[in-house]
Amino acid sequence: MNVDRPDDASFDDCEQVLTRVYEFLDNEITPRFPDGLTLLTGLGQYRSGDEVIQERSQLLIILYPAETA
């Protein structure tokens, strides 16, 4: 999930996005996977025309036994 803020967004807007991400993890994901998860912060990029766009992102990793899938 992309967590970069648009150019016209304030730092507080970015903090609000991260707060919502963590609330989602706490309220929706963790109860379903109580044995744990990993949230990695990364830097993604893609090409738009001749420009390379870089964005911060979050990667959620959940490992679970195959028999529960």
PDB file of N, CA and C in Angstrom:
ATOM      1  N   MET A   1       0.826  -1.165   0.000  1.00  0.00           N
ATOM      2  CA  MET A   1       0.000   0.000   0.000  1.00  0.00           C
ATOM      3  C   MET A   1       0.874   1.233   0.000  1.00  0.00           C
ATOM      4  N   ASN A   2       0.497   2.177  -0.783  1.00  0.00           N
ATOM      5  CA  ASN A   2       1.264   3.402  -0.919  1.00  0.00           C
ATOM      6  C   ASN A   2       0.930   4.322   0.241  1.00  0.00           C
ATOM      7  N   VAL A   3       1.946   4.846   0.905  1.00  0.00           N
ATOM      8  CA  VAL A   3       1.721   5.766   2.014  1.00  0.00           C
ATOM      9  C   VAL A   3       2.350   7.129   1.766  1.00  0.00           C
ATOM     10  N   ASP A   4       2.794   7.404   0.541  1.00  0.00           N
ATOM     11  CA  ASP A   4       3.320   8.733   0.238  1.00  0.00           C
ATOM     12  C   ASP A   4       2.185   9.733   0.246  1.00  0.00           C
ATOM     13  N   ARG A   5       2.533  10.949   0.584  1.00  0.00           N
ATOM     14  CA  ARG A   5       1.514  11.986   0.591  1.00  0.00           C
ATOM     15  C   ARG A   5       1.582  12.766  -0.720  1.00  0.00           C
ATOM     16  N   PRO A   6       0.427  13.214  -1.219  1.00  0.00           N
ATOM     17  CA  PRO A   6       0.448  14.057  -2.417  1.00  0.00           C
ATOM     18  C   PRO A   6       1.219  15.340  -2.137  1.00  0.00           C
ATOM     19  N   ASP A   7       1.689  15.997  -3.189  1.00  0.00           N
ATOM     20  CA  ASP A   7       2.485  17.219  -3.031  1.00  0.00           C
ATOM     21  C   ASP A   7       1.744  18.287  -2.237  1.00  0.00           C
ATOM     22  N   ASP A   8       0.416  18.338  -2.357  1.00  0.00           N
ATOM     23  CA  ASP A   8      -0.337  19.381  -1.674  1.00  0.00           C
ATOM     24  C   ASP A   8      -0.837  18.959  -0.290  1.00  0.00           C
ATOM     25  N   ALA A   9      -0.449  17.770   0.161  1.00  0.00           N
ATOM     26  CA  ALA A   9      -0.880  17.294   1.478  1.00  0.00           C
ATOM     27  C   ALA A   9       0.131  17.709   2.549  1.00  0.00           C
ATOM     28  N   SER A  10      -0.380  17.926   3.729  1.00  0.00           N
ATOM     29  CA  SER A  10       0.496  18.306   4.825  1.00  0.00           C
ATOM     30  C   SER A  10       1.096  17.068   5.475  1.00  0.00           C
ATOM     31  N   PHE A  11       2.092  17.294   6.328  1.00  0.00           N
ATOM     32  CA  PHE A  11       2.688  16.198   7.085  1.00  0.00           C
ATOM     33  C   PHE A  11       1.627  15.533   7.952  1.00  0.00           C
ATOM     34  N   ASP A  12       0.711  16.341   8.506  1.00  0.00           N
ATOM     35  CA  ASP A  12      -0.368  15.787   9.328  1.00  0.00           C
ATOM     36  C   ASP A  12      -1.243  14.828   8.531  1.00  0.00           C
ATOM     37  N   ASP A  13      -1.477  15.119   7.236  1.00  0.00           N
ATOM     38  CA  ASP A  13      -2.251  14.211   6.390  1.00  0.00           C
ATOM     39  C   ASP A  13      -1.560  12.859   6.285  1.00  0.00           C
ATOM     40  N   CYS A  14      -0.242  12.862   6.107  1.00  0.00           N
ATOM     41  CA  CYS A  14       0.534  11.631   6.006  1.00  0.00           C
ATOM     42  C   CYS A  14       0.450  10.861   7.317  1.00  0.00           C
ATOM     43  N   GLU A  15       0.562  11.561   8.431  1.00  0.00           N
ATOM     44  CA  GLU A  15       0.455  10.916   9.737  1.00  0.00           C
ATOM     45  C   GLU A  15      -0.932  10.300   9.923  1.00  0.00           C
ATOM     46  N   GLN A  16      -1.958  10.956   9.416  1.00  0.00           N
ATOM     47  CA  GLN A  16      -3.318  10.420   9.522  1.00  0.00           C
ATOM     48  C   GLN A  16      -3.458   9.139   8.713  1.00  0.00           C
ATOM     49  N   VAL A  17      -2.828   9.080   7.556  1.00  0.00           N
ATOM     50  CA  VAL A  17      -2.859   7.864   6.744  1.00  0.00           C
ATOM     51  C   VAL A  17      -2.191   6.721   7.500  1.00  0.00           C
ATOM     52  N   LEU A  18      -1.018   6.976   8.063  1.00  0.00           N
ATOM     53  CA  LEU A  18      -0.314   5.931   8.816  1.00  0.00           C
ATOM     54  C   LEU A  18      -1.117   5.498  10.035  1.00  0.00           C
ATOM     55  N   THR A  19      -1.761   6.440  10.699  1.00  0.00           N
ATOM     56  CA  THR A  19      -2.608   6.098  11.843  1.00  0.00           C
ATOM     57  C   THR A  19      -3.725   5.164  11.407  1.00  0.00           C
ATOM     58  N   ARG A  20      -4.350   5.440  10.254  1.00  0.00           N
ATOM     59  CA  ARG A  20      -5.427   4.566   9.748  1.00  0.00           C
ATOM     60  C   ARG A  20      -4.892   3.194   9.371  1.00  0.00           C
ATOM     61  N   VAL A  21      -3.685   3.131   8.817  1.00  0.00           N
ATOM     62  CA  VAL A  21      -3.073   1.840   8.480  1.00  0.00           C
ATOM     63  C   VAL A  21      -2.890   1.012   9.738  1.00  0.00           C
ATOM     64  N   TYR A  22      -2.331   1.620  10.782  1.00  0.00           N
ATOM     65  CA  TYR A  22      -2.089   0.883  12.026  1.00  0.00           C
ATOM     66  C   TYR A  22      -3.396   0.494  12.711  1.00  0.00           C
ATOM     67  N   GLU A  23      -4.405   1.345  12.649  1.00  0.00           N
ATOM     68  CA  GLU A  23      -5.715   0.994  13.205  1.00  0.00           C
ATOM     69  C   GLU A  23      -6.303  -0.202  12.458  1.00  0.00           C
ATOM     70  N   PHE A  24      -6.165  -0.205  11.131  1.00  0.00           N
ATOM     71  CA  PHE A  24      -6.645  -1.325  10.322  1.00  0.00           C
ATOM     72  C   PHE A  24      -5.928  -2.614  10.718  1.00  0.00           C
ATOM     73  N   LEU A  25      -4.613  -2.541  10.875  1.00  0.00           N
ATOM     74  CA  LEU A  25      -3.853  -3.722  11.303  1.00  0.00           C
ATOM     75  C   LEU A  25      -4.340  -4.210  12.662  1.00  0.00           C
ATOM     76  N   ASP A  26      -4.475  -3.274  13.610  1.00  0.00           N
ATOM     77  CA  ASP A  26      -4.879  -3.647  14.969  1.00  0.00           C
ATOM     78  C   ASP A  26      -6.288  -4.227  15.018  1.00  0.00           C
ATOM     79  N   ASN A  27      -7.204  -3.631  14.266  1.00  0.00           N
ATOM     80  CA  ASN A  27      -8.623  -3.998  14.372  1.00  0.00           C
ATOM     81  C   ASN A  27      -9.064  -5.104  13.429  1.00  0.00           C
ATOM     82  N   GLU A  28      -8.440  -5.224  12.275  1.00  0.00           N
ATOM     83  CA  GLU A  28      -8.906  -6.170  11.255  1.00  0.00           C
ATOM     84  C   GLU A  28      -7.952  -7.341  11.018  1.00  0.00           C
ATOM     85  N   ILE A  29      -6.676  -7.057  10.890  1.00  0.00           N
ATOM     86  CA  ILE A  29      -5.714  -8.095  10.510  1.00  0.00           C
ATOM     87  C   ILE A  29      -5.240  -8.906  11.715  1.00  0.00           C
ATOM     88  N   THR A  30      -4.774  -8.239  12.759  1.00  0.00           N
ATOM     89  CA  THR A  30      -4.219  -8.950  13.912  1.00  0.00           C
ATOM     90  C   THR A  30      -5.215  -9.909  14.561  1.00  0.00           C
ATOM     91  N   PRO A  31      -6.500  -9.542  14.727  1.00  0.00           N
ATOM     92  CA  PRO A  31      -7.443 -10.517  15.300  1.00  0.00           C
ATOM     93  C   PRO A  31      -7.592 -11.780  14.442  1.00  0.00           C
ATOM     94  N   ARG A  32      -7.428 -11.664  13.142  1.00  0.00           N
ATOM     95  CA  ARG A  32      -7.550 -12.821  12.249  1.00  0.00           C
ATOM     96  C   ARG A  32      -6.272 -13.659  12.196  1.00  0.00           C
ATOM     97  N   PHE A  33      -5.142 -13.025  12.522  1.00  0.00           N
ATOM     98  CA  PHE A  33      -3.842 -13.705  12.505  1.00  0.00           C
ATOM     99  C   PHE A  33      -3.101 -13.390  13.809  1.00  0.00           C
ATOM    100  N   PRO A  34      -3.607 -13.895  14.939  1.00  0.00           N
ATOM    101  CA  PRO A  34      -3.047 -13.536  16.240  1.00  0.00           C
ATOM    102  C   PRO A  34      -1.630 -14.060  16.481  1.00  0.00           C
ATOM    103  N   ASP A  35      -1.162 -14.995  15.651  1.00  0.00           N
ATOM    104  CA  ASP A  35       0.199 -15.513  15.832  1.00  0.00           C
ATOM    105  C   ASP A  35       1.256 -14.549  15.310  1.00  0.00           C
ATOM    106  N   GLY A  36       0.830 -13.502  14.643  1.00  0.00           N
ATOM    107  CA  GLY A  36       1.779 -12.474  14.239  1.00  0.00           C
ATOM    108  C   GLY A  36       1.795 -12.171  12.755  1.00  0.00           C
ATOM    109  N   LEU A  37       2.442 -11.091  12.452  1.00  0.00           N
ATOM    110  CA  LEU A  37       2.582 -10.610  11.083  1.00  0.00           C
ATOM    111  C   LEU A  37       3.810  -9.724  11.027  1.00  0.00           C
ATOM    112  N   THR A  38       4.206  -9.367   9.823  1.00  0.00           N
ATOM    113  CA  THR A  38       5.334  -8.463   9.624  1.00  0.00           C
ATOM    114  C   THR A  38       4.899  -7.357   8.681  1.00  0.00           C
ATOM    115  N   LEU A  39       5.194  -6.127   9.045  1.00  0.00           N
ATOM    116  CA  LEU A  39       4.921  -4.979   8.195  1.00  0.00           C
ATOM    117  C   LEU A  39       6.259  -4.354   7.844  1.00  0.00           C
ATOM    118  N   LEU A  40       6.588  -4.374   6.563  1.00  0.00           N
ATOM    119  CA  LEU A  40       7.858  -3.819   6.082  1.00  0.00           C
ATOM    120  C   LEU A  40       7.610  -2.491   5.386  1.00  0.00           C
ATOM    121  N   THR A  41       8.511  -1.558   5.596  1.00  0.00           N
ATOM    122  CA  THR A  41       8.475  -0.288   4.884  1.00  0.00           C
ATOM    123  C   THR A  41       9.462  -0.371   3.733  1.00  0.00           C
ATOM    124  N   GLY A  42       9.019   0.057   2.572  1.00  0.00           N
ATOM    125  CA  GLY A  42       9.890  -0.035   1.408  1.00  0.00           C
ATOM    126  C   GLY A  42       9.813   1.212   0.551  1.00  0.00           C
ATOM    127  N   LEU A  43      10.584   1.184  -0.503  1.00  0.00           N
ATOM    128  CA  LEU A  43      10.572   2.246  -1.496  1.00  0.00           C
ATOM    129  C   LEU A  43      10.277   1.592  -2.833  1.00  0.00           C
ATOM    130  N   GLY A  44       9.122   1.903  -3.383  1.00  0.00           N
ATOM    131  CA  GLY A  44       8.752   1.368  -4.686  1.00  0.00           C
ATOM    132  C   GLY A  44       8.970   2.413  -5.764  1.00  0.00           C
ATOM    133  N   GLN A  45       8.973   1.957  -6.986  1.00  0.00           N
ATOM    134  CA  GLN A  45       9.085   2.905  -8.087  1.00  0.00           C
ATOM    135  C   GLN A  45       8.447   2.346  -9.336  1.00  0.00           C
ATOM    136  N   TYR A  46       8.059   3.261 -10.196  1.00  0.00           N
ATOM    137  CA  TYR A  46       7.500   2.896 -11.490  1.00  0.00           C
ATOM    138  C   TYR A  46       7.829   4.003 -12.485  1.00  0.00           C
ATOM    139  N   ARG A  47       7.652   3.700 -13.731  1.00  0.00           N
ATOM    140  CA  ARG A  47       7.965   4.658 -14.785  1.00  0.00           C
ATOM    141  C   ARG A  47       6.670   5.295 -15.285  1.00  0.00           C
ATOM    142  N   SER A  48       6.698   6.611 -15.403  1.00  0.00           N
ATOM    143  CA  SER A  48       5.587   7.372 -15.962  1.00  0.00           C
ATOM    144  C   SER A  48       6.166   8.230 -17.077  1.00  0.00           C
ATOM    145  N   GLY A  49       5.991   7.762 -18.309  1.00  0.00           N
ATOM    146  CA  GLY A  49       6.650   8.438 -19.425  1.00  0.00           C
ATOM    147  C   GLY A  49       8.148   8.274 -19.296  1.00  0.00           C
ATOM    148  N   ASP A  50       8.875   9.382 -19.312  1.00  0.00           N
ATOM    149  CA  ASP A  50      10.327   9.340 -19.151  1.00  0.00           C
ATOM    150  C   ASP A  50      10.764   9.506 -17.695  1.00  0.00           C
ATOM    151  N   GLU A  51       9.804   9.697 -16.800  1.00  0.00           N
ATOM    152  CA  GLU A  51      10.119   9.961 -15.392  1.00  0.00           C
ATOM    153  C   GLU A  51       9.964   8.692 -14.553  1.00  0.00           C
ATOM    154  N   VAL A  52      10.867   8.511 -13.593  1.00  0.00           N
ATOM    155  CA  VAL A  52      10.754   7.422 -12.625  1.00  0.00           C
ATOM    156  C   VAL A  52      10.158   8.010 -11.352  1.00  0.00           C
ATOM    157  N   ILE A  53       9.034   7.477 -10.941  1.00  0.00           N
ATOM    158  CA  ILE A  53       8.326   7.938  -9.746  1.00  0.00           C
ATOM    159  C   ILE A  53       8.663   6.993  -8.600  1.00  0.00           C
ATOM    160  N   GLN A  54       9.103   7.534  -7.482  1.00  0.00           N
ATOM    161  CA  GLN A  54       9.410   6.726  -6.303  1.00  0.00           C
ATOM    162  C   GLN A  54       8.406   7.056  -5.206  1.00  0.00           C
ATOM    163  N   GLU A  55       7.950   6.011  -4.510  1.00  0.00           N
ATOM    164  CA  GLU A  55       6.972   6.169  -3.446  1.00  0.00           C
ATOM    165  C   GLU A  55       7.312   5.250  -2.279  1.00  0.00           C
ATOM    166  N   ARG A  56       7.071   5.744  -1.077  1.00  0.00           N
ATOM    167  CA  ARG A  56       7.166   4.869   0.086  1.00  0.00           C
ATOM    168  C   ARG A  56       5.974   3.919   0.044  1.00  0.00           C
ATOM    169  N   SER A  57       6.171   2.720   0.550  1.00  0.00           N
ATOM    170  CA  SER A  57       5.084   1.752   0.575  1.00  0.00           C
ATOM    171  C   SER A  57       5.222   0.849   1.791  1.00  0.00           C
ATOM    172  N   GLN A  58       4.176   0.116   2.069  1.00  0.00           N
ATOM    173  CA  GLN A  58       4.154  -0.851   3.160  1.00  0.00           C
ATOM    174  C   GLN A  58       3.830  -2.209   2.555  1.00  0.00           C
ATOM    175  N   LEU A  59       4.510  -3.232   3.034  1.00  0.00           N
ATOM    176  CA  LEU A  59       4.276  -4.600   2.591  1.00  0.00           C
ATOM    177  C   LEU A  59       3.912  -5.427   3.814  1.00  0.00           C
ATOM    178  N   LEU A  60       2.740  -6.034   3.789  1.00  0.00           N
ATOM    179  CA  LEU A  60       2.265  -6.856   4.891  1.00  0.00           C
ATOM    180  C   LEU A  60       2.523  -8.321   4.566  1.00  0.00           C
ATOM    181  N   ILE A  61       3.213  -9.017   5.475  1.00  0.00           N
ATOM    182  CA  ILE A  61       3.527 -10.432   5.301  1.00  0.00           C
ATOM    183  C   ILE A  61       2.837 -11.211   6.417  1.00  0.00           C
ATOM    184  N   ILE A  62       2.048 -12.214   6.009  1.00  0.00           N
ATOM    185  CA  ILE A  62       1.373 -13.084   6.978  1.00  0.00           C
ATOM    186  C   ILE A  62       1.699 -14.515   6.608  1.00  0.00           C
ATOM    187  N   LEU A  63       2.264 -15.251   7.538  1.00  0.00           N
ATOM    188  CA  LEU A  63       2.540 -16.677   7.331  1.00  0.00           C
ATOM    189  C   LEU A  63       1.522 -17.464   8.146  1.00  0.00           C
ATOM    190  N   TYR A  64       0.975 -18.507   7.552  1.00  0.00           N
ATOM    191  CA  TYR A  64      -0.012 -19.326   8.233  1.00  0.00           C
ATOM    192  C   TYR A  64       0.081 -20.758   7.723  1.00  0.00           C
ATOM    193  N   PRO A  65      -0.363 -21.715   8.523  1.00  0.00           N
ATOM    194  CA  PRO A  65      -0.312 -23.111   8.086  1.00  0.00           C
ATOM    195  C   PRO A  65      -1.205 -23.344   6.866  1.00  0.00           C
ATOM    196  N   ALA A  66      -0.743 -24.151   5.936  1.00  0.00           N
ATOM    197  CA  ALA A  66      -1.480 -24.423   4.708  1.00  0.00           C
ATOM    198  C   ALA A  66      -2.844 -25.033   4.981  1.00  0.00           C
ATOM    199  N   GLU A  67      -2.968 -25.843   6.026  1.00  0.00           N
ATOM    200  CA  GLU A  67      -4.254 -26.504   6.288  1.00  0.00           C
ATOM    201  C   GLU A  67      -5.333 -25.538   6.757  1.00  0.00           C
ATOM    202  N   THR A  68      -4.971 -24.304   7.098  1.00  0.00           N
ATOM    203  CA  THR A  68      -5.989 -23.315   7.509  1.00  0.00           C
ATOM    204  C   THR A  68      -6.380 -22.396   6.363  1.00  0.00           C
ATOM    205  N   ALA A  69      -5.753 -22.548   5.216  1.00  0.00           N
ATOM    206  CA  ALA A  69      -6.027 -21.667   4.083  1.00  0.00           C
ATOM    207  C   ALA A  69      -7.368 -21.966   3.451  1.00  0.00           C
TER     208      ALA A  69
END
